[in-house]
Structures are given as C-alpha cells and as structure tokens.
Protein backbone atom coordinates (compact mmCIF):
# COMPACT_ATOMS: atom_id res chain seq x y z
CA MET A 1 3.74 7.19 36.95
CA THR A 2 4.54 3.96 38.22
CA ARG A 3 2.37 4.98 41.81
CA ILE A 4 -1.08 5.64 39.40
CA ILE A 5 -0.28 2.63 37.37
CA SER A 6 -0.35 0.36 40.90
CA LEU A 7 -2.84 2.38 42.01
CA LEU A 8 -5.21 1.50 39.28
CA PHE A 9 -4.23 -2.14 39.14
CA LEU A 10 -5.00 -2.44 42.99
CA GLY A 11 -7.95 -0.91 42.49
CA PHE A 12 -8.96 -3.57 39.55
CA LEU A 13 -7.61 -6.24 41.76
CA MET A 14 -9.62 -4.67 45.01
CA GLY A 15 -12.96 -5.05 42.21
CA CYS A 16 -12.24 -8.55 41.51
CA THR A 17 -12.42 -9.89 45.18
CA THR A 18 -15.83 -11.34 46.48
CA GLU A 19 -16.34 -9.22 49.55
CA SER A 20 -18.94 -10.39 52.62
CA VAL A 21 -22.25 -8.54 53.28
CA VAL A 22 -22.88 -8.28 56.94
CA VAL A 23 -26.84 -8.42 57.13
CA ASN A 24 -28.30 -8.49 60.84
CA ASN A 25 -24.70 -9.05 62.10
CA GLN A 26 -24.12 -12.37 59.84
CA ASP A 27 -21.91 -13.06 57.47
CA GLN A 28 -23.50 -13.69 54.14
CA VAL A 29 -22.21 -14.03 50.72
CA PRO A 30 -24.68 -12.14 48.01
CA THR A 31 -25.84 -14.65 45.92
CA ARG A 32 -28.19 -14.31 43.18
CA THR A 33 -31.60 -16.55 42.51
CA VAL A 34 -32.42 -17.98 38.98
CA GLU A 35 -35.94 -18.83 38.30
CA SER A 36 -36.28 -22.27 37.20
CA ASN A 37 -38.39 -21.48 34.40
CA SER A 38 -36.61 -18.47 33.03
CA ARG A 39 -36.50 -17.49 29.30
CA MET A 40 -34.35 -15.65 27.07
CA LYS A 41 -36.40 -12.49 26.64
CA THR A 42 -37.27 -12.35 22.38
CA PHE A 43 -38.58 -9.36 20.21
CA ASP A 44 -41.53 -10.48 18.33
CA VAL A 45 -42.18 -7.15 16.78
CA VAL A 46 -39.96 -7.08 12.90
CA PRO A 47 -38.76 -2.88 13.05
CA LYS A 48 -40.65 -1.16 10.44
CA ARG A 49 -37.89 -0.01 7.41
CA ARG A 50 -37.34 3.41 7.24
CA GLN A 51 -37.50 5.11 3.98
CA VAL A 52 -33.82 6.19 2.49
CA SER A 53 -33.57 9.84 3.03
CA ARG A 54 -31.27 10.62 0.76
CA SER A 55 -29.24 8.35 -2.31
CA ASN A 56 -25.64 7.46 -2.17
CA GLN A 57 -24.73 9.83 -5.17
CA ASP A 58 -26.32 12.57 -3.31
CA ILE A 59 -23.73 11.79 -0.46
CA ALA A 60 -21.04 11.38 -2.34
CA GLN A 61 -21.74 14.47 -3.97
CA GLU A 62 -21.56 16.28 -0.58
CA ILE A 63 -18.43 14.52 0.66
CA LEU A 64 -16.54 15.92 -2.61
CA ASP A 65 -18.28 19.42 -1.81
CA LEU A 66 -17.20 19.50 1.98
CA ALA A 67 -13.24 18.06 1.25
CA PHE A 68 -11.92 19.51 -1.50
CA TYR A 69 -11.63 22.92 -0.31
CA LEU A 70 -8.28 24.42 -0.49
CA GLU A 71 -6.86 25.78 2.92
CA SER A 72 -8.11 29.24 2.27
CA GLY A 73 -11.77 28.17 1.53
CA ARG A 74 -10.85 28.53 -2.26
CA ARG A 75 -12.59 25.53 -4.24
CA VAL A 76 -10.66 23.30 -6.40
CA GLU A 77 -11.39 23.88 -10.10
CA LYS A 78 -9.82 20.90 -11.46
CA PHE A 79 -7.55 18.24 -10.64
CA THR A 80 -4.02 17.91 -11.94
CA ARG A 81 -1.29 14.87 -12.17
CA PHE A 82 1.83 14.62 -13.26
CA GLU A 83 3.19 12.62 -16.83
CA GLY A 84 6.39 11.18 -15.32
CA PRO A 85 8.81 10.95 -12.59
CA ILE A 86 7.87 13.44 -10.31
CA THR A 87 10.83 15.46 -8.23
CA VAL A 88 10.60 17.06 -4.94
CA GLY A 89 12.86 19.80 -3.53
CA PHE A 90 13.30 22.31 -1.16
CA THR A 91 13.22 26.46 -1.92
CA ASN A 92 15.49 27.01 0.57
CA ALA A 93 18.00 25.40 3.08
CA PRO A 94 16.19 23.56 5.20
CA PRO A 95 17.04 22.32 8.76
CA SER A 96 18.37 18.68 9.51
CA PHE A 97 15.09 17.10 10.41
CA ALA A 98 13.20 18.60 7.54
CA ARG A 99 15.31 16.73 4.92
CA THR A 100 15.34 13.32 7.18
CA ASP A 101 10.88 13.89 7.27
CA LEU A 102 10.83 14.42 3.33
CA LYS A 103 13.28 11.28 2.83
CA LYS A 104 11.09 9.38 4.69
CA LEU A 105 7.92 10.51 3.04
CA VAL A 106 9.29 9.91 -0.52
CA THR A 107 10.76 6.55 0.49
CA ARG A 108 7.19 5.39 1.39
CA LEU A 109 5.60 7.39 -1.67
CA ARG A 110 7.42 5.06 -3.57
CA SER A 111 6.94 1.82 -1.54
CA GLU A 112 3.49 1.92 -0.47
CA ALA A 113 1.76 4.12 -3.54
CA GLY A 114 4.39 3.24 -6.30
CA ILE A 115 4.75 6.75 -7.20
CA PRO A 116 8.02 7.56 -9.12
CA ILE A 117 9.49 10.22 -6.85
CA SER A 118 12.65 11.42 -5.99
CA ILE A 119 14.46 14.42 -3.99
CA VAL A 120 16.68 16.96 -6.02
CA PRO A 121 19.69 18.54 -4.55
CA ASP A 122 18.93 21.82 -2.93
CA GLY A 123 18.52 25.14 -5.68
CA GLN A 124 17.60 22.29 -8.61
CA LYS A 125 14.06 22.91 -9.87
CA ALA A 126 11.62 20.50 -8.78
CA ASN A 127 7.86 19.53 -9.84
CA ILE A 128 7.09 20.49 -6.23
CA SER A 129 8.92 22.69 -4.32
CA VAL A 130 8.72 22.85 -0.79
CA ASP A 131 9.38 26.40 1.08
CA LEU A 132 9.75 26.09 5.17
CA VAL A 133 8.30 29.29 6.75
CA ASN A 134 8.45 29.93 10.70
C-alpha cells in the first residue's frame, strides 16, 4: 500500500517539474507567447429559454409513484403512524451485533429526530418486531 502511494506521489511530483525541451540539439524551456491585444472571449448571444416540459406537481407525483412501493413490488396504499411512545424488540434471540446496532439506531432516532422510541426485553410485545433470518 505504501509503495503505491509512494509511486503516485512521485508521479505527481514529476508532473510538477519543468523539463527542458531539446530542439535542434539546444536546451530551451518552452514558453507561451501572449498577444498584447488579447481579449477575453465573450458571448453576445442570449440563450433561448426553453418551455417547461413538466410542472413541479407532475415531477412530485412521479417521485411518489416511484418511491412508495414495498420490496415485493406492491404499492403502499396508506401511511400509518404511531401515537405515543414506540417500542421495538426482537422476536427471537438476536446475535450480540444486532442488539448493539439496534441500540445505536434507537439512540440516534431519539436524539436526532426526537422520536420517543425504546427497546423492550426479548419476548415482550413491541410495536415494531425485528425478526432476523439467515
């Protein structure tokens, strides 16, 4: 890994050096000539405005149509929400990494989104049940 980084750094340094060019067996450094009457290129033509092809409402509807489908392809018919505190728990005994990940997620939902959510002990009924499968 360090060899690759060293080679990349060396290539970068070589690209930054000035190298003389041999023309007719004489060393000359390449130069750029600047015209005394040089002027920045300007564009006098005003671009034509195009007609709007779709309204914002049409675009929003398209996003809703594309986004709100279940993994199975079925359309989400209605949204639901929880009234009051939310509980989440595992339906079976989870591995330790899953419990740690769930604790991190619940903490983040509480602190960033202000959602009243908590984890219930295994076997206790919860609003949201997580079932881990292989």
